[in-house]
Amino acid sequence: MLVITRRINQSIIIDGCIEVVVTGITKEGVRIGISAPQEMEIHRSEVFDTIAEANRQATVKSTMDAATALLLAKLSKTKRPK
């Protein structure tokens, strides 16, 4: 992790296309502005974590649904004894 000191209106550049600017400093925290290409998603970490968890759960559900459908298809093809 890179740790640097910046003052209000000073910035850092990431990968030549993302600029992070310190816009304010208070007792509550630091305000930052982020300029990045429009196609790049930017989220607070807690929002990112929520999205990632929802994606994991959707993947598990999708996998389970596919497995259930496959099992049901195989069972319907086999003859059941009477």
N, C-alpha and C. Protein backbone atom coordinates (compact mmCIF):
# COMPACT_ATOMS: atom_id res chain seq x y z
N MET A 1 0.85 -1.17 0.00
CA MET A 1 0.00 0.00 0.00
C MET A 1 0.89 1.24 0.00
N LEU A 2 0.56 2.15 -0.87
CA LEU A 2 1.26 3.43 -0.92
C LEU A 2 0.57 4.40 0.03
N VAL A 3 1.33 5.00 0.92
CA VAL A 3 0.78 6.00 1.84
C VAL A 3 1.51 7.31 1.58
N ILE A 4 0.74 8.36 1.23
CA ILE A 4 1.33 9.66 0.95
C ILE A 4 0.52 10.74 1.63
N THR A 5 1.09 11.91 1.74
CA THR A 5 0.40 13.06 2.31
C THR A 5 0.00 14.00 1.19
N ARG A 6 -1.24 14.43 1.21
CA ARG A 6 -1.75 15.39 0.23
C ARG A 6 -2.51 16.46 1.00
N ARG A 7 -2.50 17.66 0.48
CA ARG A 7 -3.26 18.76 1.07
C ARG A 7 -4.47 19.06 0.18
N ILE A 8 -5.34 19.94 0.65
CA ILE A 8 -6.52 20.30 -0.13
C ILE A 8 -6.09 20.78 -1.52
N ASN A 9 -6.82 20.31 -2.52
CA ASN A 9 -6.60 20.60 -3.95
C ASN A 9 -5.38 19.90 -4.54
N GLN A 10 -4.69 19.09 -3.76
CA GLN A 10 -3.61 18.29 -4.32
C GLN A 10 -4.19 16.94 -4.73
N SER A 11 -3.55 16.29 -5.68
CA SER A 11 -4.11 15.05 -6.21
C SER A 11 -3.04 14.00 -6.43
N ILE A 12 -3.52 12.81 -6.74
CA ILE A 12 -2.65 11.74 -7.21
C ILE A 12 -3.26 11.22 -8.51
N ILE A 13 -2.43 10.69 -9.37
CA ILE A 13 -2.87 10.13 -10.64
C ILE A 13 -2.60 8.62 -10.60
N ILE A 14 -3.60 7.84 -10.99
CA ILE A 14 -3.47 6.38 -11.02
C ILE A 14 -3.60 5.91 -12.46
N ASP A 15 -2.62 5.17 -12.90
CA ASP A 15 -2.63 4.56 -14.23
C ASP A 15 -2.83 5.57 -15.36
N GLY A 16 -2.47 6.81 -15.12
CA GLY A 16 -2.54 7.83 -16.16
C GLY A 16 -3.92 8.30 -16.53
N CYS A 17 -4.98 7.72 -15.92
CA CYS A 17 -6.33 8.12 -16.32
C CYS A 17 -7.28 8.37 -15.15
N ILE A 18 -6.84 8.11 -13.94
CA ILE A 18 -7.68 8.33 -12.76
C ILE A 18 -7.00 9.37 -11.89
N GLU A 19 -7.75 10.42 -11.56
CA GLU A 19 -7.21 11.46 -10.68
C GLU A 19 -8.03 11.49 -9.40
N VAL A 20 -7.34 11.43 -8.28
CA VAL A 20 -7.97 11.51 -6.96
C VAL A 20 -7.51 12.81 -6.32
N VAL A 21 -8.47 13.69 -6.01
CA VAL A 21 -8.17 15.02 -5.49
C VAL A 21 -8.73 15.16 -4.07
N VAL A 22 -7.94 15.70 -3.17
CA VAL A 22 -8.42 16.01 -1.82
C VAL A 22 -9.20 17.32 -1.93
N THR A 23 -10.52 17.25 -1.62
CA THR A 23 -11.35 18.46 -1.75
C THR A 23 -11.67 19.09 -0.40
N GLY A 24 -11.46 18.37 0.69
CA GLY A 24 -11.73 18.93 2.00
C GLY A 24 -11.26 18.02 3.11
N ILE A 25 -10.95 18.62 4.24
CA ILE A 25 -10.52 17.86 5.41
C ILE A 25 -11.27 18.43 6.62
N THR A 26 -11.95 17.54 7.35
CA THR A 26 -12.67 17.95 8.56
C THR A 26 -12.36 16.96 9.68
N LYS A 27 -12.94 17.20 10.85
CA LYS A 27 -12.81 16.23 11.94
C LYS A 27 -13.47 14.91 11.58
N GLU A 28 -14.50 14.97 10.75
CA GLU A 28 -15.26 13.78 10.36
C GLU A 28 -14.51 12.91 9.37
N GLY A 29 -13.64 13.49 8.56
CA GLY A 29 -12.92 12.70 7.56
C GLY A 29 -12.38 13.56 6.43
N VAL A 30 -11.96 12.89 5.41
CA VAL A 30 -11.37 13.54 4.25
C VAL A 30 -12.35 13.40 3.08
N ARG A 31 -12.61 14.50 2.38
CA ARG A 31 -13.45 14.44 1.18
C ARG A 31 -12.52 14.36 -0.03
N ILE A 32 -12.85 13.44 -0.91
CA ILE A 32 -12.04 13.29 -2.12
C ILE A 32 -12.95 13.34 -3.35
N GLY A 33 -12.37 13.81 -4.43
CA GLY A 33 -13.04 13.79 -5.72
C GLY A 33 -12.27 12.84 -6.62
N ILE A 34 -13.00 12.10 -7.45
CA ILE A 34 -12.37 11.12 -8.33
C ILE A 34 -12.79 11.41 -9.76
N SER A 35 -11.82 11.61 -10.64
CA SER A 35 -12.08 11.74 -12.07
C SER A 35 -11.54 10.49 -12.74
N ALA A 36 -12.43 9.80 -13.46
CA ALA A 36 -12.03 8.56 -14.12
C ALA A 36 -12.86 8.41 -15.39
N PRO A 37 -12.41 7.56 -16.31
CA PRO A 37 -13.21 7.32 -17.51
C PRO A 37 -14.61 6.83 -17.13
N GLN A 38 -15.61 7.23 -17.90
CA GLN A 38 -17.00 6.93 -17.58
C GLN A 38 -17.28 5.43 -17.52
N GLU A 39 -16.56 4.63 -18.32
CA GLU A 39 -16.82 3.19 -18.34
C GLU A 39 -16.24 2.47 -17.12
N MET A 40 -15.48 3.18 -16.30
CA MET A 40 -14.87 2.58 -15.11
C MET A 40 -15.82 2.72 -13.92
N GLU A 41 -16.09 1.59 -13.26
CA GLU A 41 -16.95 1.62 -12.07
C GLU A 41 -16.15 2.04 -10.85
N ILE A 42 -16.74 2.92 -10.04
CA ILE A 42 -16.10 3.37 -8.80
C ILE A 42 -17.13 3.21 -7.68
N HIS A 43 -16.77 2.47 -6.65
CA HIS A 43 -17.67 2.23 -5.53
C HIS A 43 -16.92 2.41 -4.21
N ARG A 44 -17.66 2.81 -3.18
CA ARG A 44 -17.10 2.74 -1.82
C ARG A 44 -16.91 1.27 -1.50
N SER A 45 -15.96 0.96 -0.64
CA SER A 45 -15.63 -0.45 -0.38
C SER A 45 -16.82 -1.23 0.17
N GLU A 46 -17.63 -0.62 1.03
CA GLU A 46 -18.77 -1.36 1.59
C GLU A 46 -19.81 -1.65 0.50
N VAL A 47 -19.98 -0.76 -0.46
CA VAL A 47 -20.90 -1.00 -1.58
C VAL A 47 -20.32 -2.10 -2.48
N PHE A 48 -19.03 -2.02 -2.76
CA PHE A 48 -18.37 -3.04 -3.58
C PHE A 48 -18.52 -4.42 -2.94
N ASP A 49 -18.32 -4.50 -1.63
CA ASP A 49 -18.45 -5.78 -0.92
C ASP A 49 -19.87 -6.33 -1.03
N THR A 50 -20.88 -5.45 -0.92
CA THR A 50 -22.27 -5.87 -1.05
C THR A 50 -22.56 -6.40 -2.46
N ILE A 51 -22.06 -5.70 -3.47
CA ILE A 51 -22.24 -6.13 -4.86
C ILE A 51 -21.55 -7.48 -5.09
N ALA A 52 -20.32 -7.62 -4.59
CA ALA A 52 -19.57 -8.87 -4.76
C ALA A 52 -20.30 -10.04 -4.10
N GLU A 53 -20.84 -9.83 -2.91
CA GLU A 53 -21.57 -10.89 -2.21
C GLU A 53 -22.84 -11.27 -2.97
N ALA A 54 -23.56 -10.27 -3.48
CA ALA A 54 -24.77 -10.55 -4.28
C ALA A 54 -24.40 -11.35 -5.52
N ASN A 55 -23.29 -11.01 -6.16
CA ASN A 55 -22.84 -11.76 -7.34
C ASN A 55 -22.48 -13.20 -6.97
N ARG A 56 -21.80 -13.39 -5.83
CA ARG A 56 -21.46 -14.75 -5.39
C ARG A 56 -22.73 -15.57 -5.15
N GLN A 57 -23.70 -14.97 -4.47
CA GLN A 57 -24.94 -15.69 -4.18
C GLN A 57 -25.70 -16.02 -5.47
N ALA A 58 -25.70 -15.09 -6.42
CA ALA A 58 -26.37 -15.33 -7.70
C ALA A 58 -25.69 -16.47 -8.46
N THR A 59 -24.36 -16.52 -8.38
CA THR A 59 -23.62 -17.58 -9.05
C THR A 59 -23.94 -18.93 -8.43
N VAL A 60 -23.98 -18.98 -7.11
CA VAL A 60 -24.30 -20.23 -6.42
C VAL A 60 -25.72 -20.67 -6.77
N LYS A 61 -26.66 -19.72 -6.75
CA LYS A 61 -28.05 -20.06 -7.08
C LYS A 61 -28.14 -20.53 -8.52
N SER A 62 -27.47 -19.85 -9.43
CA SER A 62 -27.48 -20.24 -10.84
C SER A 62 -26.90 -21.63 -11.03
N THR A 63 -25.79 -21.92 -10.33
CA THR A 63 -25.17 -23.24 -10.41
C THR A 63 -26.09 -24.31 -9.85
N MET A 64 -26.72 -24.01 -8.72
CA MET A 64 -27.66 -24.97 -8.12
C MET A 64 -28.86 -25.19 -9.03
N ASP A 65 -29.39 -24.12 -9.62
CA ASP A 65 -30.52 -24.25 -10.54
C ASP A 65 -30.13 -25.11 -11.74
N ALA A 66 -28.95 -24.91 -12.28
CA ALA A 66 -28.49 -25.69 -13.43
C ALA A 66 -28.31 -27.16 -13.04
N ALA A 67 -27.75 -27.40 -11.87
CA ALA A 67 -27.56 -28.78 -11.40
C ALA A 67 -28.90 -29.46 -11.18
N THR A 68 -29.84 -28.74 -10.60
CA THR A 68 -31.18 -29.29 -10.37
C THR A 68 -31.86 -29.62 -11.69
N ALA A 69 -31.76 -28.71 -12.66
CA ALA A 69 -32.37 -28.95 -13.97
C ALA A 69 -31.74 -30.16 -14.65
N LEU A 70 -30.43 -30.30 -14.56
CA LEU A 70 -29.74 -31.43 -15.16
C LEU A 70 -30.17 -32.74 -14.50
N LEU A 71 -30.24 -32.75 -13.17
CA LEU A 71 -30.67 -33.94 -12.44
C LEU A 71 -32.10 -34.32 -12.79
N LEU A 72 -32.98 -33.33 -12.84
CA LEU A 72 -34.38 -33.60 -13.19
C LEU A 72 -34.49 -34.14 -14.62
N ALA A 73 -33.70 -33.61 -15.53
CA ALA A 73 -33.71 -34.09 -16.92
C ALA A 73 -33.24 -35.54 -16.98
N LYS A 74 -32.20 -35.86 -16.25
CA LYS A 74 -31.70 -37.24 -16.24
C LYS A 74 -32.70 -38.18 -15.60
N LEU A 75 -33.35 -37.74 -14.52
CA LEU A 75 -34.33 -38.58 -13.85
C LEU A 75 -35.55 -38.82 -14.73
N SER A 76 -35.95 -37.82 -15.50
CA SER A 76 -37.13 -37.98 -16.34
C SER A 76 -36.86 -38.93 -17.51
N LYS A 77 -35.60 -39.12 -17.87
CA LYS A 77 -35.24 -40.02 -18.96
C LYS A 77 -35.16 -41.47 -18.50
N THR A 78 -34.98 -41.69 -17.23
CA THR A 78 -34.90 -43.06 -16.71
C THR A 78 -36.29 -43.56 -16.39
N LYS A 79 -36.51 -44.84 -16.62
CA LYS A 79 -37.82 -45.41 -16.32
C LYS A 79 -37.87 -45.77 -14.84
N ARG A 80 -38.96 -45.44 -14.26
CA ARG A 80 -39.15 -45.76 -12.84
C ARG A 80 -39.87 -47.10 -12.74
N PRO A 81 -39.42 -47.97 -11.82
CA PRO A 81 -40.12 -49.26 -11.63
C PRO A 81 -41.50 -49.03 -11.04
N LYS A 82 -42.43 -49.89 -11.43
CA LYS A 82 -43.82 -49.74 -10.94
C LYS A 82 -44.06 -50.63 -9.76
